[in-house]
Amino acid sequence: MNFIKKLFSPTLPASIQTLLNEKVEQLSLPDLNTGSITVKAIQSIEFKNKTLQFQLNMPFAAKSLWPSIEQSLTTGLLQHEDIEQVNITFETVIDARMTQNTTGTLEGIKNIIAVASGKGGVGKSTTCVNLALALQQEGAQVAILDADIYGPSIPTMLGSHDKPDTLDGKSMEPIKVSGLQLMSIGFLIDQAEPMVWRGPMVTQTLIQLLNETHWQDIDYLLIDLPPGTGDIQLTLSQQIPVTGAIVVTTPQEVALIDARKGLKMFEKVNIPILGIIENMSTHICSNCGHEEAIFGEDGGKVLAEESGTTLLAQLPLEAKLRASMDSGNPIVLADPMHAISQTYKKVAQTISCDMATQRKSYANVFPKITVENS
């Protein structure tokens, strides 16, 4: 309780303090777990001339919801007879969360999200790119690591084939596109060159791309994994501090069989499943608008129920989405108000909010202790 009192101006009347506590704790956002918003989020409070102003540090990415939060809080606080005006500023403050295999974090990165699929061709990379852009638009600092060494697609999907620079001769600077920080083997090799490598070399390359990139103040690093449950996935679970995973599938049973394997893999290595995204749920005819479930119905929903996880979204098969990725201008950038873009933003808010309820990691707060022979 003493900590909470320090958040408030000494001149703040107790009745206003109590009301502000209540209104923040009672915040309700549709379909989001807002339990992570507490009185600790309230900063820089000042009450003067019947004007109450403060800052709200949001622990998850939901910038598009700030106006509705402001309206809700303002309406509630103006009920107090001594308050005539309320001024609220917002800041996105994402904390590092505990991981399954280490309490440490990688330098420059707070949280790592694995985007996986059991089967290829289900729209995993498309999901990774648009979700990363959605998280960024919602206020987070975001990066993508393309872990598909054999078939890197991130450079094409984001329209960049630049070569990374180095400033210190030891690490690579990430490629920056539309506010995202990127790294992919596709930036380092010729686009037409095949990667004829065995497993150990592939996994070593992944670790080098991750550790030798100069990531800068990243809230979420999304790792676009190759399909399957092989060497890359095993390395990820054993050597990389993953905060959570998203599994991408289509509704058809052929894809669900492999998606189940991916889910089981993450469960065995104790990586939290943030949810399932079902792509190609339906096809919408561009001529007549007829909607048809050509790959089956509700496969992702059934899989989510079986595994006790969340179905984050069911996205249609749409030509505009495909064209946007091929042109290097993802739909979340090209058409932010499109229904698909809005769905990605909703998913971004959901997973960011869910991650904010996980235990914090304090590893970066403590000094590193080394023992040397004297």
Protein backbone atom coordinates (compact mmCIF):
# COMPACT_ATOMS: atom_id res chain seq x y z
CA MET A 1 0.00 0.00 0.00
CA ASN A 2 2.90 2.35 0.69
CA PHE A 3 4.11 1.79 -2.89
CA ILE A 4 0.71 2.74 -4.30
CA LYS A 5 0.62 5.96 -2.27
CA LYS A 6 3.93 7.03 -3.79
CA LEU A 7 2.32 7.04 -7.21
CA PHE A 8 0.10 9.95 -6.26
CA SER A 9 0.67 13.61 -5.65
CA PRO A 10 0.86 14.39 -1.91
CA THR A 11 -1.85 17.02 -2.49
CA LEU A 12 -4.25 14.57 -4.09
CA PRO A 13 -7.38 14.25 -1.93
CA ALA A 14 -7.95 10.75 -0.61
CA SER A 15 -11.42 10.55 -2.20
CA ILE A 16 -9.98 11.29 -5.66
CA GLN A 17 -7.21 8.78 -5.10
CA THR A 18 -9.77 6.11 -4.21
CA LEU A 19 -11.97 6.94 -7.20
CA LEU A 20 -9.01 6.85 -9.60
CA ASN A 21 -7.93 3.47 -8.22
CA GLU A 22 -11.41 2.08 -8.70
CA LYS A 23 -11.88 3.35 -12.24
CA VAL A 24 -8.52 2.00 -13.41
CA GLU A 25 -9.10 -1.38 -11.77
CA GLN A 26 -12.59 -1.57 -13.28
CA LEU A 27 -11.43 -0.88 -16.85
CA SER A 28 -13.11 -3.31 -19.21
CA LEU A 29 -12.10 -3.80 -22.83
CA PRO A 30 -14.12 -6.10 -25.13
CA ASP A 31 -12.62 -9.62 -25.42
CA LEU A 32 -9.40 -8.61 -23.66
CA ASN A 33 -8.03 -9.75 -20.32
CA THR A 34 -7.44 -6.39 -18.69
CA GLY A 35 -6.26 -7.84 -15.38
CA SER A 36 -2.79 -6.53 -16.11
CA ILE A 37 -3.93 -2.89 -15.83
CA THR A 38 -3.50 -1.97 -12.17
CA VAL A 39 -2.91 1.20 -10.17
CA LYS A 40 0.81 0.67 -10.85
CA ALA A 41 0.10 1.81 -14.41
CA ILE A 42 -0.77 5.30 -13.14
CA GLN A 43 2.15 7.73 -13.26
CA SER A 44 2.87 11.48 -12.96
CA ILE A 45 -0.35 12.46 -11.21
CA GLU A 46 -1.15 16.11 -10.66
CA PHE A 47 -4.31 17.75 -9.33
CA LYS A 48 -4.56 21.52 -9.61
CA ASN A 49 -7.38 24.01 -10.16
CA LYS A 50 -9.90 21.17 -10.31
CA THR A 51 -7.97 19.55 -13.17
CA LEU A 52 -6.72 16.00 -12.72
CA GLN A 53 -3.97 14.87 -15.06
CA PHE A 54 -1.93 11.70 -15.13
CA GLN A 55 -0.15 9.25 -17.40
CA LEU A 56 -1.27 5.67 -17.94
CA ASN A 57 1.52 3.24 -18.78
CA MET A 58 -0.18 0.51 -20.80
CA PRO A 59 1.49 -2.90 -20.28
CA PHE A 60 0.33 -4.21 -23.66
CA ALA A 61 0.03 -2.96 -27.23
CA ALA A 62 -3.44 -1.49 -27.81
CA LYS A 63 -2.93 2.04 -29.09
CA SER A 64 -6.15 2.09 -31.09
CA LEU A 65 -8.08 1.54 -27.85
CA TRP A 66 -6.62 4.55 -26.05
CA PRO A 67 -9.46 6.93 -27.05
CA SER A 68 -12.13 4.60 -25.65
CA ILE A 69 -10.10 4.06 -22.46
CA GLU A 70 -9.69 7.81 -22.07
CA GLN A 71 -13.41 8.39 -22.54
CA SER A 72 -14.32 5.67 -20.03
CA LEU A 73 -11.95 6.98 -17.36
CA THR A 74 -12.86 10.61 -17.93
CA THR A 75 -16.59 9.91 -17.65
CA GLY A 76 -16.06 8.04 -14.39
CA LEU A 77 -13.69 10.58 -12.84
CA LEU A 78 -15.89 13.58 -13.66
CA GLN A 79 -18.43 12.11 -11.25
CA HIS A 80 -16.31 13.54 -8.44
CA GLU A 81 -17.59 16.98 -7.44
CA ASP A 82 -14.09 18.48 -7.19
CA ILE A 83 -12.99 17.42 -10.69
CA GLU A 84 -13.96 19.60 -13.65
CA GLN A 85 -11.38 18.44 -16.20
CA VAL A 86 -9.35 15.27 -16.79
CA ASN A 87 -6.21 15.11 -18.95
CA ILE A 88 -4.76 11.65 -19.66
CA THR A 89 -1.61 10.79 -21.59
CA PHE A 90 -0.71 7.25 -22.61
CA GLU A 91 2.53 5.35 -23.02
CA THR A 92 3.11 1.75 -24.13
CA VAL A 93 5.47 0.11 -21.63
CA ILE A 94 6.07 -3.59 -22.39
CA ASP A 95 7.93 -5.69 -19.81
CA ALA A 96 9.99 -8.83 -20.38
CA ARG A 97 8.16 -11.99 -19.35
CA MET A 98 9.42 -15.27 -17.89
CA THR A 99 10.35 -18.02 -20.34
CA GLN A 100 10.37 -21.80 -20.19
CA ASN A 101 14.10 -22.55 -20.25
CA THR A 102 15.84 -19.52 -18.82
CA THR A 103 15.16 -16.44 -16.74
CA GLY A 104 17.50 -14.47 -18.98
CA THR A 105 16.66 -12.29 -21.94
CA LEU A 106 18.63 -11.58 -25.09
CA GLU A 107 20.23 -8.18 -25.38
CA GLY A 108 17.87 -5.68 -26.94
CA ILE A 109 14.87 -8.08 -26.86
CA LYS A 110 12.19 -8.31 -24.18
CA ASN A 111 9.89 -11.04 -25.53
CA ILE A 112 10.12 -13.66 -28.28
CA ILE A 113 7.07 -15.06 -30.07
CA ALA A 114 7.43 -18.16 -32.25
CA VAL A 115 5.08 -18.29 -35.25
CA ALA A 116 4.85 -21.92 -36.34
CA SER A 117 2.93 -24.35 -38.49
CA GLY A 118 3.14 -28.09 -38.85
CA LYS A 119 2.58 -27.89 -42.60
CA GLY A 120 3.85 -25.55 -45.29
CA GLY A 121 1.62 -23.38 -47.42
CA VAL A 122 -0.86 -22.42 -44.70
CA GLY A 123 0.03 -18.72 -44.61
CA LYS A 124 2.42 -18.74 -41.67
CA SER A 125 4.83 -16.11 -43.02
CA THR A 126 1.92 -13.94 -44.14
CA THR A 127 0.55 -14.16 -40.60
CA CYS A 128 3.94 -13.38 -39.05
CA VAL A 129 4.51 -10.24 -41.13
CA ASN A 130 1.02 -8.79 -40.75
CA LEU A 131 0.89 -9.59 -37.04
CA ALA A 132 4.26 -7.90 -36.52
CA LEU A 133 3.02 -4.80 -38.34
CA ALA A 134 -0.20 -4.84 -36.31
CA LEU A 135 1.74 -5.01 -33.02
CA GLN A 136 3.88 -2.12 -34.20
CA GLN A 137 0.85 -0.02 -35.16
CA GLU A 138 -0.61 -0.76 -31.72
CA GLY A 139 2.41 0.85 -30.05
CA ALA A 140 5.08 -1.84 -29.63
CA GLN A 141 8.66 -1.97 -30.91
CA VAL A 142 8.76 -5.09 -33.11
CA ALA A 143 11.25 -7.18 -35.07
CA ILE A 144 11.10 -10.30 -37.26
CA LEU A 145 13.71 -13.06 -37.48
CA ASP A 146 13.22 -15.23 -40.56
CA ALA A 147 14.17 -18.71 -39.34
CA ASP A 148 13.27 -20.44 -42.59
CA ILE A 149 16.83 -20.87 -43.84
CA TYR A 150 15.88 -23.01 -46.84
CA GLY A 151 13.02 -20.80 -48.04
CA PRO A 152 13.30 -17.24 -46.67
CA SER A 153 10.27 -15.19 -47.71
CA ILE A 154 10.38 -12.21 -45.35
CA PRO A 155 12.53 -10.05 -47.72
CA THR A 156 10.01 -10.47 -50.55
CA MET A 157 6.97 -9.94 -48.34
CA LEU A 158 8.38 -6.68 -47.01
CA GLY A 159 9.88 -5.53 -50.29
CA SER A 160 13.52 -5.27 -49.24
CA HIS A 161 16.63 -7.06 -50.49
CA ASP A 162 19.20 -4.77 -48.87
CA LYS A 163 22.39 -6.12 -47.38
CA PRO A 164 22.88 -5.55 -43.64
CA ASP A 165 25.63 -3.19 -42.48
CA THR A 166 27.96 -3.55 -39.52
CA LEU A 167 29.04 -0.66 -37.33
CA ASP A 168 31.40 -2.50 -35.00
CA GLY A 169 32.66 -5.32 -37.20
CA LYS A 170 31.09 -7.86 -34.83
CA SER A 171 27.33 -7.58 -35.29
CA MET A 172 24.93 -6.85 -38.14
CA GLU A 173 22.52 -3.96 -38.12
CA PRO A 174 18.96 -5.16 -38.76
CA ILE A 175 17.26 -4.16 -41.98
CA LYS A 176 14.53 -1.62 -41.21
CA VAL A 177 11.25 -1.53 -43.11
CA SER A 178 8.16 0.44 -42.05
CA GLY A 179 9.36 0.62 -38.45
CA LEU A 180 10.15 -3.11 -38.21
CA GLN A 181 13.64 -4.48 -37.59
CA LEU A 182 14.36 -7.52 -39.79
CA MET A 183 16.95 -10.22 -40.23
CA SER A 184 16.90 -13.09 -42.71
CA ILE A 185 19.39 -15.28 -44.52
CA GLY A 186 17.65 -13.87 -47.59
CA PHE A 187 19.42 -10.55 -46.97
CA LEU A 188 22.83 -12.27 -47.04
CA ILE A 189 22.63 -14.54 -50.10
CA ASP A 190 21.57 -14.30 -53.71
CA GLN A 191 17.81 -14.68 -54.06
CA ALA A 192 18.13 -17.61 -56.48
CA GLU A 193 20.83 -19.44 -54.52
CA PRO A 194 19.66 -22.73 -52.92
CA MET A 195 20.72 -23.48 -49.34
CA VAL A 196 22.15 -27.00 -49.65
CA TRP A 197 22.98 -27.36 -45.97
CA ARG A 198 22.58 -30.11 -43.40
CA GLY A 199 20.76 -29.63 -40.10
CA PRO A 200 23.68 -28.63 -37.83
CA MET A 201 24.72 -25.83 -40.17
CA VAL A 202 21.15 -24.59 -40.41
CA THR A 203 20.67 -24.42 -36.65
CA GLN A 204 24.05 -22.74 -36.18
CA THR A 205 23.05 -20.14 -38.77
CA LEU A 206 19.78 -19.46 -36.91
CA ILE A 207 21.63 -18.87 -33.64
CA GLN A 208 24.11 -16.57 -35.39
CA LEU A 209 21.35 -14.55 -37.04
CA LEU A 210 19.68 -14.14 -33.66
CA ASN A 211 22.74 -13.41 -31.52
CA GLU A 212 24.83 -11.44 -34.00
CA THR A 213 22.13 -8.96 -34.99
CA HIS A 214 22.17 -5.63 -33.16
CA TRP A 215 18.53 -5.64 -32.08
CA GLN A 216 17.49 -2.31 -30.59
CA ASP A 217 14.92 -1.97 -27.79
CA ILE A 218 12.56 -4.67 -29.08
CA ASP A 219 9.33 -5.39 -27.20
CA TYR A 220 8.43 -8.38 -29.39
CA LEU A 221 10.66 -10.40 -31.70
CA LEU A 222 8.56 -12.65 -33.92
CA ILE A 223 10.41 -15.70 -35.25
CA ASP A 224 9.00 -17.01 -38.52
CA LEU A 225 9.71 -20.73 -38.23
CA PRO A 226 9.92 -23.19 -41.12
CA PRO A 227 7.19 -25.86 -41.27
CA GLY A 228 7.53 -29.03 -39.21
CA THR A 229 9.01 -30.06 -35.88
CA GLY A 230 12.65 -30.60 -36.81
CA ASP A 231 16.08 -29.20 -35.99
CA ILE A 232 15.11 -25.52 -36.07
CA GLN A 233 12.16 -26.04 -33.72
CA LEU A 234 14.25 -28.16 -31.34
CA THR A 235 16.98 -25.51 -31.23
CA LEU A 236 14.35 -22.86 -30.60
CA SER A 237 12.92 -24.70 -27.61
CA GLN A 238 16.29 -25.58 -26.07
CA GLN A 239 18.45 -22.51 -26.67
CA ILE A 240 16.18 -19.51 -27.25
CA PRO A 241 14.07 -17.89 -24.48
CA VAL A 242 10.66 -18.07 -26.17
CA THR A 243 7.83 -16.32 -24.33
CA GLY A 244 4.99 -17.87 -26.31
CA ALA A 245 4.01 -19.52 -29.59
CA ILE A 246 1.29 -19.08 -32.21
CA VAL A 247 0.29 -22.01 -34.40
CA VAL A 248 -1.06 -21.32 -37.90
CA THR A 249 -3.22 -23.81 -39.78
CA THR A 250 -5.97 -24.14 -42.36
CA PRO A 251 -9.30 -25.90 -41.63
CA GLN A 252 -8.55 -29.04 -43.65
CA GLU A 253 -7.62 -32.22 -41.83
CA VAL A 254 -4.36 -32.62 -43.78
CA ALA A 255 -3.09 -29.38 -42.23
CA LEU A 256 -4.59 -30.07 -38.80
CA ILE A 257 -2.70 -33.36 -38.47
CA ASP A 258 0.61 -31.51 -38.61
CA ALA A 259 -0.64 -28.55 -36.56
CA ARG A 260 -1.46 -30.95 -33.73
CA LYS A 261 2.15 -32.15 -33.77
CA GLY A 262 3.36 -28.57 -33.51
CA LEU A 263 1.10 -27.92 -30.54
CA LYS A 264 2.29 -31.09 -28.80
CA MET A 265 5.91 -30.11 -29.37
CA PHE A 266 5.45 -26.73 -27.69
CA GLU A 267 3.56 -28.37 -24.81
CA LYS A 268 6.39 -30.87 -24.22
CA VAL A 269 8.99 -28.10 -23.97
CA ASN A 270 6.70 -25.93 -21.80
CA ILE A 271 6.37 -23.04 -24.23
CA PRO A 272 2.98 -21.34 -23.66
CA ILE A 273 0.60 -21.45 -26.62
CA LEU A 274 -0.78 -17.97 -27.25
CA GLY A 275 -3.38 -19.31 -29.65
CA ILE A 276 -4.25 -20.69 -33.08
CA ILE A 277 -4.85 -18.72 -36.26
CA GLU A 278 -6.90 -20.40 -38.98
CA ASN A 279 -6.16 -19.16 -42.48
CA MET A 280 -8.22 -19.82 -45.62
CA SER A 281 -11.32 -20.42 -43.50
CA THR A 282 -13.53 -19.41 -46.39
CA HIS A 283 -13.17 -18.17 -49.96
CA ILE A 284 -15.02 -15.01 -50.97
CA CYS A 285 -15.71 -14.75 -54.69
CA SER A 286 -14.43 -11.43 -56.04
CA ASN A 287 -17.20 -11.36 -58.67
CA CYS A 288 -20.36 -12.26 -56.79
CA GLY A 289 -19.31 -12.14 -53.13
CA HIS A 290 -20.34 -15.75 -52.47
CA GLU A 291 -18.55 -17.20 -49.45
CA GLU A 292 -17.60 -20.88 -49.42
CA ALA A 293 -15.61 -23.05 -47.00
CA ILE A 294 -13.59 -24.81 -49.69
CA PHE A 295 -11.03 -26.26 -47.24
CA GLY A 296 -13.58 -27.45 -44.66
CA GLU A 297 -15.17 -25.76 -41.70
CA ASP A 298 -14.07 -24.98 -38.13
CA GLY A 299 -10.93 -27.14 -38.16
CA GLY A 300 -9.01 -24.51 -36.21
CA LYS A 301 -11.87 -24.12 -33.76
CA VAL A 302 -11.97 -27.85 -33.07
CA LEU A 303 -8.18 -27.94 -32.68
CA ALA A 304 -8.27 -25.06 -30.20
CA GLU A 305 -10.94 -26.83 -28.15
CA GLU A 306 -8.98 -30.09 -28.20
CA SER A 307 -5.80 -28.41 -26.99
CA GLY A 308 -7.44 -26.06 -24.50
CA THR A 309 -6.14 -22.95 -26.23
CA THR A 310 -7.60 -19.88 -27.94
CA LEU A 311 -8.75 -19.59 -31.54
CA LEU A 312 -7.37 -16.13 -32.24
CA ALA A 313 -8.84 -15.61 -35.71
CA GLN A 314 -10.39 -17.21 -38.77
CA LEU A 315 -9.15 -15.39 -41.86
CA PRO A 316 -10.56 -15.79 -45.39
CA LEU A 317 -8.70 -16.73 -48.56
CA GLU A 318 -8.65 -13.42 -50.40
CA ALA A 319 -6.79 -12.32 -53.51
CA LYS A 320 -6.00 -8.87 -52.09
CA LEU A 321 -4.11 -10.40 -49.18
CA ARG A 322 -2.04 -12.62 -51.47
CA ALA A 323 -1.29 -9.76 -53.88
CA SER A 324 -0.21 -7.45 -51.06
CA MET A 325 2.39 -9.97 -49.86
CA ASP A 326 3.76 -10.67 -53.33
CA SER A 327 4.17 -6.93 -53.96
CA GLY A 328 6.06 -6.35 -50.69
CA ASN A 329 3.30 -4.12 -49.31
CA PRO A 330 1.44 -6.19 -46.68
CA ILE A 331 -2.28 -5.56 -46.30
CA VAL A 332 -1.92 -4.11 -42.78
CA LEU A 333 0.19 -1.35 -44.38
CA ALA A 334 -1.56 -1.11 -47.73
CA ASP A 335 -5.11 -1.03 -46.39
CA PRO A 336 -5.21 -0.57 -42.59
CA MET A 337 -9.00 -0.33 -42.50
CA HIS A 338 -9.57 -3.59 -44.41
CA ALA A 339 -11.42 -6.26 -42.40
CA ILE A 340 -8.36 -8.54 -42.51
CA SER A 341 -6.10 -5.74 -41.21
CA GLN A 342 -8.52 -5.06 -38.39
CA THR A 343 -8.53 -8.76 -37.51
CA TYR A 344 -4.74 -8.78 -37.28
CA LYS A 345 -4.88 -5.76 -34.97
CA LYS A 346 -7.39 -7.53 -32.75
CA VAL A 347 -5.10 -10.57 -32.57
CA ALA A 348 -2.16 -8.29 -31.73
CA GLN A 349 -4.09 -6.73 -28.85
CA THR A 350 -5.20 -10.15 -27.57
CA ILE A 351 -1.80 -11.83 -27.48
CA SER A 352 -0.06 -8.74 -26.12
CA CYS A 353 -2.63 -8.45 -23.35
CA ASP A 354 -2.39 -12.16 -22.51
CA MET A 355 1.40 -11.98 -22.34
CA ALA A 356 1.16 -9.02 -19.97
CA THR A 357 -0.50 -11.30 -17.41
CA GLN A 358 2.49 -13.66 -17.37
CA ARG A 359 5.14 -13.34 -14.68
CA LYS A 360 7.74 -10.66 -15.29
CA SER A 361 11.36 -11.54 -15.91
CA TYR A 362 13.77 -9.60 -13.71
CA ALA A 363 16.93 -11.14 -15.18
CA ASN A 364 18.02 -7.92 -16.87
CA VAL A 365 17.80 -6.06 -13.56
CA PHE A 366 20.47 -8.13 -11.80
CA PRO A 367 24.18 -7.84 -12.53
CA LYS A 368 25.97 -10.72 -14.20
CA ILE A 369 28.35 -12.49 -11.84
CA THR A 370 31.49 -14.10 -13.19
CA VAL A 371 34.06 -16.13 -11.30
CA GLU A 372 37.69 -15.78 -12.35
CA ASN A 373 40.89 -17.31 -11.04
CA SER A 374 43.13 -14.74 -9.41
